[in-house]
Amino acid sequence: MSSTNLDNLVKAKQLKSEPPDQNQVDGMIRSARNRLADLELEGMSDEGRFLLAYGAVHSLSLAALRWHGYRSENRYIVFQCLPHTIGLEDHKWRVLAKCHNLRNQAEYEGALDITPQLLQELIGITLEVLTSVEALGPLR
């Protein structure tokens, strides 16, 4: 992973450098796992499942940033950083960026138009991000 790119985002005031905190990382992972478990609740709508998966992957993306000693207040940036924090392929974080835009539409315009394919892709990427974040291991 390249901290040079992350340091450049600090210089551009898109990220803040902050000592990593194991409790924060653990809490974010726990929150993501709880949301992923809730995806399986019977009767959950696709919209509800989408919002839970989005929340989970956002929490995991934040956890990866915190593990590396950075913080962001911008929801979109955390997805852009995934290639640098866990090595996620560009096309996958772009799916997350699309989901971010859809989530914003739902939040600010009251419209959430998702396809079953996008939902499955989001859930699959979220599970991959979970595995990668957990593979970072405890802070040293």
N, C-alpha and C. Protein backbone atom coordinates (compact mmCIF):
# COMPACT_ATOMS: atom_id res chain seq x y z
N MET A 1 0.85 -1.17 0.00
CA MET A 1 0.00 0.00 0.00
C MET A 1 0.90 1.24 0.00
N SER A 2 0.40 2.29 -0.59
CA SER A 2 1.20 3.48 -0.74
C SER A 2 0.73 4.59 0.19
N SER A 3 1.56 4.87 1.20
CA SER A 3 1.20 5.98 2.09
C SER A 3 1.53 7.31 1.44
N THR A 4 2.36 7.31 0.38
CA THR A 4 2.67 8.55 -0.32
C THR A 4 1.40 9.19 -0.86
N ASN A 5 0.55 8.39 -1.48
CA ASN A 5 -0.70 8.92 -2.00
C ASN A 5 -1.58 9.44 -0.88
N LEU A 6 -1.62 8.75 0.24
CA LEU A 6 -2.40 9.19 1.38
C LEU A 6 -1.82 10.47 1.97
N ASP A 7 -0.49 10.55 2.04
CA ASP A 7 0.15 11.77 2.53
C ASP A 7 -0.14 12.96 1.62
N ASN A 8 -0.22 12.70 0.32
CA ASN A 8 -0.58 13.77 -0.62
C ASN A 8 -2.00 14.28 -0.35
N LEU A 9 -2.90 13.37 0.03
CA LEU A 9 -4.27 13.78 0.36
C LEU A 9 -4.29 14.59 1.65
N VAL A 10 -3.35 14.32 2.56
CA VAL A 10 -3.23 15.14 3.77
C VAL A 10 -2.81 16.56 3.37
N LYS A 11 -1.81 16.65 2.50
CA LYS A 11 -1.34 17.96 2.04
C LYS A 11 -2.45 18.74 1.34
N ALA A 12 -3.32 18.01 0.63
CA ALA A 12 -4.44 18.64 -0.08
C ALA A 12 -5.65 18.86 0.85
N LYS A 13 -5.46 18.55 2.15
CA LYS A 13 -6.51 18.72 3.17
C LYS A 13 -7.76 17.87 2.90
N GLN A 14 -7.55 16.71 2.25
CA GLN A 14 -8.63 15.76 2.02
C GLN A 14 -8.66 14.68 3.10
N LEU A 15 -7.50 14.49 3.74
CA LEU A 15 -7.35 13.55 4.86
C LEU A 15 -6.64 14.27 5.99
N LYS A 16 -6.79 13.72 7.19
CA LYS A 16 -6.04 14.19 8.34
C LYS A 16 -5.18 13.05 8.83
N SER A 17 -3.95 13.37 9.19
CA SER A 17 -3.07 12.38 9.79
C SER A 17 -3.39 12.33 11.28
N GLU A 18 -3.59 11.14 11.80
CA GLU A 18 -3.97 10.97 13.20
C GLU A 18 -3.50 9.59 13.65
N PRO A 19 -2.91 9.50 14.83
CA PRO A 19 -2.42 8.18 15.27
C PRO A 19 -3.54 7.13 15.21
N PRO A 20 -3.21 5.94 14.73
CA PRO A 20 -4.22 4.87 14.68
C PRO A 20 -4.70 4.50 16.08
N ASP A 21 -5.93 4.00 16.13
CA ASP A 21 -6.54 3.65 17.41
C ASP A 21 -7.22 2.29 17.26
N GLN A 22 -6.68 1.29 17.94
CA GLN A 22 -7.20 -0.07 17.83
C GLN A 22 -8.67 -0.15 18.23
N ASN A 23 -9.06 0.57 19.28
CA ASN A 23 -10.46 0.54 19.71
C ASN A 23 -11.40 1.08 18.63
N GLN A 24 -10.99 2.14 17.96
CA GLN A 24 -11.81 2.68 16.88
C GLN A 24 -11.91 1.69 15.73
N VAL A 25 -10.78 1.12 15.34
CA VAL A 25 -10.77 0.15 14.24
C VAL A 25 -11.68 -1.03 14.60
N ASP A 26 -11.52 -1.56 15.80
CA ASP A 26 -12.34 -2.69 16.24
C ASP A 26 -13.83 -2.34 16.24
N GLY A 27 -14.16 -1.15 16.71
CA GLY A 27 -15.55 -0.71 16.74
C GLY A 27 -16.15 -0.58 15.35
N MET A 28 -15.37 -0.08 14.42
CA MET A 28 -15.85 0.06 13.04
C MET A 28 -16.06 -1.31 12.39
N ILE A 29 -15.17 -2.23 12.65
CA ILE A 29 -15.32 -3.59 12.12
C ILE A 29 -16.55 -4.25 12.75
N ARG A 30 -16.71 -4.10 14.04
CA ARG A 30 -17.87 -4.67 14.72
C ARG A 30 -19.18 -4.09 14.16
N SER A 31 -19.22 -2.79 13.94
CA SER A 31 -20.40 -2.15 13.36
C SER A 31 -20.70 -2.73 11.97
N ALA A 32 -19.67 -2.90 11.17
CA ALA A 32 -19.85 -3.46 9.83
C ALA A 32 -20.37 -4.89 9.90
N ARG A 33 -19.81 -5.68 10.79
CA ARG A 33 -20.26 -7.07 10.94
C ARG A 33 -21.73 -7.13 11.37
N ASN A 34 -22.14 -6.24 12.27
CA ASN A 34 -23.54 -6.20 12.70
C ASN A 34 -24.46 -5.84 11.53
N ARG A 35 -24.07 -4.90 10.73
CA ARG A 35 -24.88 -4.51 9.57
C ARG A 35 -24.96 -5.65 8.57
N LEU A 36 -23.85 -6.34 8.37
CA LEU A 36 -23.86 -7.47 7.44
C LEU A 36 -24.77 -8.58 7.96
N ALA A 37 -24.77 -8.80 9.26
CA ALA A 37 -25.67 -9.81 9.84
C ALA A 37 -27.12 -9.40 9.63
N ASP A 38 -27.42 -8.13 9.77
CA ASP A 38 -28.79 -7.64 9.59
C ASP A 38 -29.29 -7.79 8.16
N LEU A 39 -28.36 -7.88 7.21
CA LEU A 39 -28.75 -8.09 5.80
C LEU A 39 -29.56 -9.36 5.63
N GLU A 40 -29.35 -10.30 6.51
CA GLU A 40 -29.98 -11.62 6.40
C GLU A 40 -31.36 -11.68 7.06
N LEU A 41 -31.78 -10.61 7.70
CA LEU A 41 -33.08 -10.61 8.36
C LEU A 41 -34.19 -10.83 7.34
N GLU A 42 -35.11 -11.70 7.70
CA GLU A 42 -36.22 -12.01 6.80
C GLU A 42 -37.10 -10.78 6.59
N GLY A 43 -37.51 -10.58 5.37
CA GLY A 43 -38.41 -9.48 5.04
C GLY A 43 -37.70 -8.17 4.75
N MET A 44 -36.37 -8.17 4.77
CA MET A 44 -35.61 -6.95 4.50
C MET A 44 -35.77 -6.56 3.04
N SER A 45 -36.11 -5.31 2.78
CA SER A 45 -36.25 -4.83 1.41
C SER A 45 -34.88 -4.68 0.76
N ASP A 46 -34.84 -4.65 -0.56
CA ASP A 46 -33.58 -4.42 -1.27
C ASP A 46 -33.00 -3.07 -0.89
N GLU A 47 -33.85 -2.08 -0.71
CA GLU A 47 -33.37 -0.75 -0.32
C GLU A 47 -32.71 -0.81 1.06
N GLY A 48 -33.35 -1.51 1.99
CA GLY A 48 -32.77 -1.67 3.32
C GLY A 48 -31.46 -2.42 3.28
N ARG A 49 -31.41 -3.47 2.49
CA ARG A 49 -30.18 -4.26 2.36
C ARG A 49 -29.07 -3.40 1.75
N PHE A 50 -29.43 -2.59 0.75
CA PHE A 50 -28.45 -1.70 0.11
C PHE A 50 -27.87 -0.73 1.15
N LEU A 51 -28.73 -0.09 1.91
CA LEU A 51 -28.26 0.89 2.89
C LEU A 51 -27.42 0.24 3.98
N LEU A 52 -27.78 -0.97 4.39
CA LEU A 52 -26.96 -1.69 5.38
C LEU A 52 -25.59 -2.05 4.80
N ALA A 53 -25.56 -2.57 3.58
CA ALA A 53 -24.28 -2.94 2.96
C ALA A 53 -23.42 -1.70 2.73
N TYR A 54 -24.04 -0.61 2.29
CA TYR A 54 -23.30 0.63 2.08
C TYR A 54 -22.71 1.10 3.41
N GLY A 55 -23.52 1.10 4.46
CA GLY A 55 -23.02 1.51 5.77
C GLY A 55 -21.88 0.64 6.26
N ALA A 56 -21.99 -0.65 6.00
CA ALA A 56 -20.93 -1.59 6.41
C ALA A 56 -19.63 -1.32 5.67
N VAL A 57 -19.71 -1.15 4.36
CA VAL A 57 -18.47 -0.94 3.60
C VAL A 57 -17.87 0.42 3.91
N HIS A 58 -18.70 1.40 4.21
CA HIS A 58 -18.17 2.70 4.60
C HIS A 58 -17.43 2.60 5.93
N SER A 59 -18.02 1.89 6.88
CA SER A 59 -17.39 1.69 8.18
C SER A 59 -16.05 0.96 8.03
N LEU A 60 -16.03 -0.05 7.19
CA LEU A 60 -14.79 -0.80 6.96
C LEU A 60 -13.73 0.06 6.26
N SER A 61 -14.16 0.90 5.36
CA SER A 61 -13.23 1.80 4.67
C SER A 61 -12.61 2.79 5.66
N LEU A 62 -13.44 3.29 6.57
CA LEU A 62 -12.92 4.16 7.63
C LEU A 62 -11.94 3.40 8.52
N ALA A 63 -12.27 2.15 8.84
CA ALA A 63 -11.39 1.33 9.68
C ALA A 63 -10.01 1.17 9.02
N ALA A 64 -10.01 0.94 7.71
CA ALA A 64 -8.74 0.81 6.99
C ALA A 64 -7.93 2.10 7.06
N LEU A 65 -8.59 3.23 6.89
CA LEU A 65 -7.90 4.52 7.01
C LEU A 65 -7.34 4.71 8.41
N ARG A 66 -8.16 4.43 9.43
CA ARG A 66 -7.71 4.60 10.81
C ARG A 66 -6.55 3.67 11.13
N TRP A 67 -6.58 2.46 10.58
CA TRP A 67 -5.49 1.50 10.81
C TRP A 67 -4.17 2.07 10.31
N HIS A 68 -4.24 2.80 9.18
CA HIS A 68 -3.04 3.38 8.57
C HIS A 68 -2.68 4.75 9.16
N GLY A 69 -3.51 5.26 10.07
CA GLY A 69 -3.17 6.52 10.73
C GLY A 69 -3.74 7.75 10.03
N TYR A 70 -4.89 7.59 9.41
CA TYR A 70 -5.53 8.72 8.73
C TYR A 70 -7.01 8.76 9.10
N ARG A 71 -7.61 9.92 8.85
CA ARG A 71 -9.03 10.11 9.08
C ARG A 71 -9.56 11.02 7.97
N SER A 72 -10.81 10.79 7.60
CA SER A 72 -11.47 11.65 6.62
C SER A 72 -12.87 11.98 7.10
N GLU A 73 -13.30 13.17 6.81
CA GLU A 73 -14.67 13.57 7.08
C GLU A 73 -15.51 13.53 5.81
N ASN A 74 -14.90 13.09 4.72
CA ASN A 74 -15.57 13.03 3.43
C ASN A 74 -15.88 11.57 3.11
N ARG A 75 -17.17 11.25 3.01
CA ARG A 75 -17.59 9.86 2.79
C ARG A 75 -17.01 9.28 1.50
N TYR A 76 -16.91 10.09 0.46
CA TYR A 76 -16.45 9.62 -0.84
C TYR A 76 -14.96 9.28 -0.82
N ILE A 77 -14.17 10.12 -0.16
CA ILE A 77 -12.71 9.94 -0.12
C ILE A 77 -12.33 8.59 0.47
N VAL A 78 -13.08 8.11 1.47
CA VAL A 78 -12.70 6.84 2.09
C VAL A 78 -12.71 5.70 1.07
N PHE A 79 -13.62 5.78 0.10
CA PHE A 79 -13.65 4.75 -0.95
C PHE A 79 -12.47 4.92 -1.91
N GLN A 80 -12.14 6.16 -2.23
CA GLN A 80 -11.00 6.42 -3.12
C GLN A 80 -9.69 5.93 -2.52
N CYS A 81 -9.62 5.88 -1.21
CA CYS A 81 -8.38 5.48 -0.53
C CYS A 81 -8.19 3.96 -0.47
N LEU A 82 -9.23 3.20 -0.74
CA LEU A 82 -9.14 1.74 -0.60
C LEU A 82 -8.01 1.09 -1.41
N PRO A 83 -7.69 1.57 -2.62
CA PRO A 83 -6.54 0.96 -3.30
C PRO A 83 -5.23 1.15 -2.52
N HIS A 84 -5.16 2.22 -1.72
CA HIS A 84 -3.94 2.53 -0.97
C HIS A 84 -3.94 1.93 0.43
N THR A 85 -5.12 1.63 0.97
CA THR A 85 -5.17 1.08 2.33
C THR A 85 -5.24 -0.44 2.35
N ILE A 86 -5.97 -1.02 1.37
CA ILE A 86 -6.09 -2.50 1.36
C ILE A 86 -5.83 -3.10 -0.01
N GLY A 87 -5.45 -2.28 -1.00
CA GLY A 87 -5.14 -2.80 -2.32
C GLY A 87 -6.36 -3.16 -3.16
N LEU A 88 -7.51 -2.57 -2.87
CA LEU A 88 -8.72 -2.85 -3.64
C LEU A 88 -8.56 -2.34 -5.07
N GLU A 89 -9.01 -3.15 -6.03
CA GLU A 89 -8.90 -2.78 -7.43
C GLU A 89 -9.76 -1.54 -7.71
N ASP A 90 -9.27 -0.71 -8.65
CA ASP A 90 -9.95 0.55 -8.99
C ASP A 90 -11.41 0.34 -9.39
N HIS A 91 -11.68 -0.68 -10.20
CA HIS A 91 -13.06 -0.85 -10.67
C HIS A 91 -14.02 -1.15 -9.51
N LYS A 92 -13.49 -1.72 -8.44
CA LYS A 92 -14.35 -2.04 -7.30
C LYS A 92 -14.66 -0.79 -6.47
N TRP A 93 -13.67 0.08 -6.27
CA TRP A 93 -13.98 1.29 -5.51
C TRP A 93 -14.88 2.20 -6.34
N ARG A 94 -14.82 2.08 -7.66
CA ARG A 94 -15.73 2.88 -8.49
C ARG A 94 -17.18 2.40 -8.33
N VAL A 95 -17.38 1.11 -8.12
CA VAL A 95 -18.72 0.61 -7.80
C VAL A 95 -19.19 1.23 -6.49
N LEU A 96 -18.28 1.31 -5.52
CA LEU A 96 -18.63 1.92 -4.24
C LEU A 96 -18.95 3.41 -4.42
N ALA A 97 -18.23 4.07 -5.33
CA ALA A 97 -18.51 5.47 -5.60
C ALA A 97 -19.91 5.62 -6.21
N LYS A 98 -20.28 4.71 -7.09
CA LYS A 98 -21.63 4.72 -7.67
C LYS A 98 -22.67 4.52 -6.56
N CYS A 99 -22.39 3.59 -5.67
CA CYS A 99 -23.31 3.35 -4.56
C CYS A 99 -23.40 4.57 -3.65
N HIS A 100 -22.29 5.27 -3.48
CA HIS A 100 -22.29 6.50 -2.68
C HIS A 100 -23.24 7.53 -3.31
N ASN A 101 -23.15 7.67 -4.62
CA ASN A 101 -24.03 8.62 -5.31
C ASN A 101 -25.49 8.22 -5.18
N LEU A 102 -25.77 6.93 -5.27
CA LEU A 102 -27.15 6.45 -5.11
C LEU A 102 -27.63 6.68 -3.68
N ARG A 103 -26.78 6.44 -2.72
CA ARG A 103 -27.13 6.69 -1.32
C ARG A 103 -27.45 8.16 -1.10
N ASN A 104 -26.65 9.05 -1.70
CA ASN A 104 -26.92 10.49 -1.59
C ASN A 104 -28.25 10.85 -2.23
N GLN A 105 -28.55 10.25 -3.37
CA GLN A 105 -29.84 10.49 -4.01
C GLN A 105 -30.98 10.11 -3.08
N ALA A 106 -30.84 8.97 -2.44
CA ALA A 106 -31.87 8.51 -1.51
C ALA A 106 -31.98 9.48 -0.33
N GLU A 107 -30.85 9.91 0.18
CA GLU A 107 -30.82 10.77 1.36
C GLU A 107 -31.38 12.17 1.07
N TYR A 108 -31.01 12.72 -0.08
CA TYR A 108 -31.34 14.12 -0.35
C TYR A 108 -32.49 14.32 -1.33
N GLU A 109 -32.81 13.29 -2.10
CA GLU A 109 -33.88 13.44 -3.09
C GLU A 109 -35.00 12.43 -2.89
N GLY A 110 -34.82 11.50 -1.97
CA GLY A 110 -35.86 10.53 -1.67
C GLY A 110 -36.04 9.45 -2.72
N ALA A 111 -35.04 9.25 -3.56
CA ALA A 111 -35.15 8.25 -4.62
C ALA A 111 -33.97 7.29 -4.55
N LEU A 112 -34.28 6.00 -4.46
CA LEU A 112 -33.23 4.99 -4.45
C LEU A 112 -33.58 3.95 -5.49
N ASP A 113 -32.89 4.02 -6.61
CA ASP A 113 -33.16 3.12 -7.72
C ASP A 113 -31.96 2.18 -7.89
N ILE A 114 -32.06 1.00 -7.26
CA ILE A 114 -30.96 0.04 -7.34
C ILE A 114 -31.44 -1.21 -8.07
N THR A 115 -30.50 -1.89 -8.67
CA THR A 115 -30.81 -3.15 -9.35
C THR A 115 -30.33 -4.30 -8.46
N PRO A 116 -30.94 -5.47 -8.62
CA PRO A 116 -30.45 -6.63 -7.86
C PRO A 116 -28.97 -6.91 -8.14
N GLN A 117 -28.53 -6.68 -9.37
CA GLN A 117 -27.13 -6.92 -9.72
C GLN A 117 -26.20 -5.97 -8.94
N LEU A 118 -26.56 -4.69 -8.87
CA LEU A 118 -25.74 -3.73 -8.12
C LEU A 118 -25.72 -4.10 -6.64
N LEU A 119 -26.84 -4.49 -6.10
CA LEU A 119 -26.91 -4.89 -4.69
C LEU A 119 -25.97 -6.07 -4.43
N GLN A 120 -26.01 -7.08 -5.28
CA GLN A 120 -25.14 -8.25 -5.10
C GLN A 120 -23.67 -7.85 -5.24
N GLU A 121 -23.38 -6.96 -6.17
CA GLU A 121 -22.00 -6.50 -6.35
C GLU A 121 -21.53 -5.74 -5.11
N LEU A 122 -22.39 -4.89 -4.57
CA LEU A 122 -22.05 -4.14 -3.36
C LEU A 122 -21.79 -5.09 -2.19
N ILE A 123 -22.65 -6.06 -2.01
CA ILE A 123 -22.48 -7.02 -0.90
C ILE A 123 -21.18 -7.81 -1.09
N GLY A 124 -20.90 -8.25 -2.31
CA GLY A 124 -19.66 -9.00 -2.57
C GLY A 124 -18.42 -8.17 -2.29
N ILE A 125 -18.42 -6.91 -2.72
CA ILE A 125 -17.27 -6.03 -2.47
C ILE A 125 -17.15 -5.77 -0.97
N THR A 126 -18.27 -5.59 -0.30
CA THR A 126 -18.24 -5.35 1.15
C THR A 126 -17.60 -6.52 1.88
N LEU A 127 -17.96 -7.74 1.49
CA LEU A 127 -17.37 -8.92 2.12
C LEU A 127 -15.87 -9.01 1.83
N GLU A 128 -15.48 -8.63 0.62
CA GLU A 128 -14.06 -8.62 0.25
C GLU A 128 -13.30 -7.58 1.08
N VAL A 129 -13.90 -6.40 1.25
CA VAL A 129 -13.27 -5.35 2.05
C VAL A 129 -13.16 -5.81 3.51
N LEU A 130 -14.18 -6.46 4.03
CA LEU A 130 -14.12 -6.99 5.39
C LEU A 130 -12.93 -7.93 5.56
N THR A 131 -12.78 -8.87 4.64
CA THR A 131 -11.66 -9.81 4.70
C THR A 131 -10.33 -9.08 4.67
N SER A 132 -10.21 -8.10 3.79
CA SER A 132 -8.95 -7.36 3.66
C SER A 132 -8.65 -6.51 4.88
N VAL A 133 -9.66 -5.87 5.44
CA VAL A 133 -9.44 -5.05 6.64
C VAL A 133 -9.06 -5.95 7.81
N GLU A 134 -9.74 -7.07 7.98
CA GLU A 134 -9.38 -7.97 9.07
C GLU A 134 -7.98 -8.54 8.88
N ALA A 135 -7.55 -8.71 7.63
CA ALA A 135 -6.21 -9.24 7.35
C ALA A 135 -5.11 -8.24 7.71
N LEU A 136 -5.47 -6.96 7.90
CA LEU A 136 -4.47 -5.99 8.32
C LEU A 136 -3.91 -6.36 9.70
N GLY A 137 -4.74 -7.05 10.49
CA GLY A 137 -4.31 -7.51 11.80
C GLY A 137 -4.31 -6.40 12.83
N PRO A 138 -3.87 -6.73 14.05
CA PRO A 138 -3.83 -5.72 15.10
C PRO A 138 -2.76 -4.66 14.80
N LEU A 139 -3.00 -3.48 15.32
CA LEU A 139 -2.01 -2.41 15.15
C LEU A 139 -0.73 -2.80 15.86
N ARG A 140 0.36 -2.40 15.28
CA ARG A 140 1.67 -2.74 15.85
C ARG A 140 2.09 -1.74 16.88
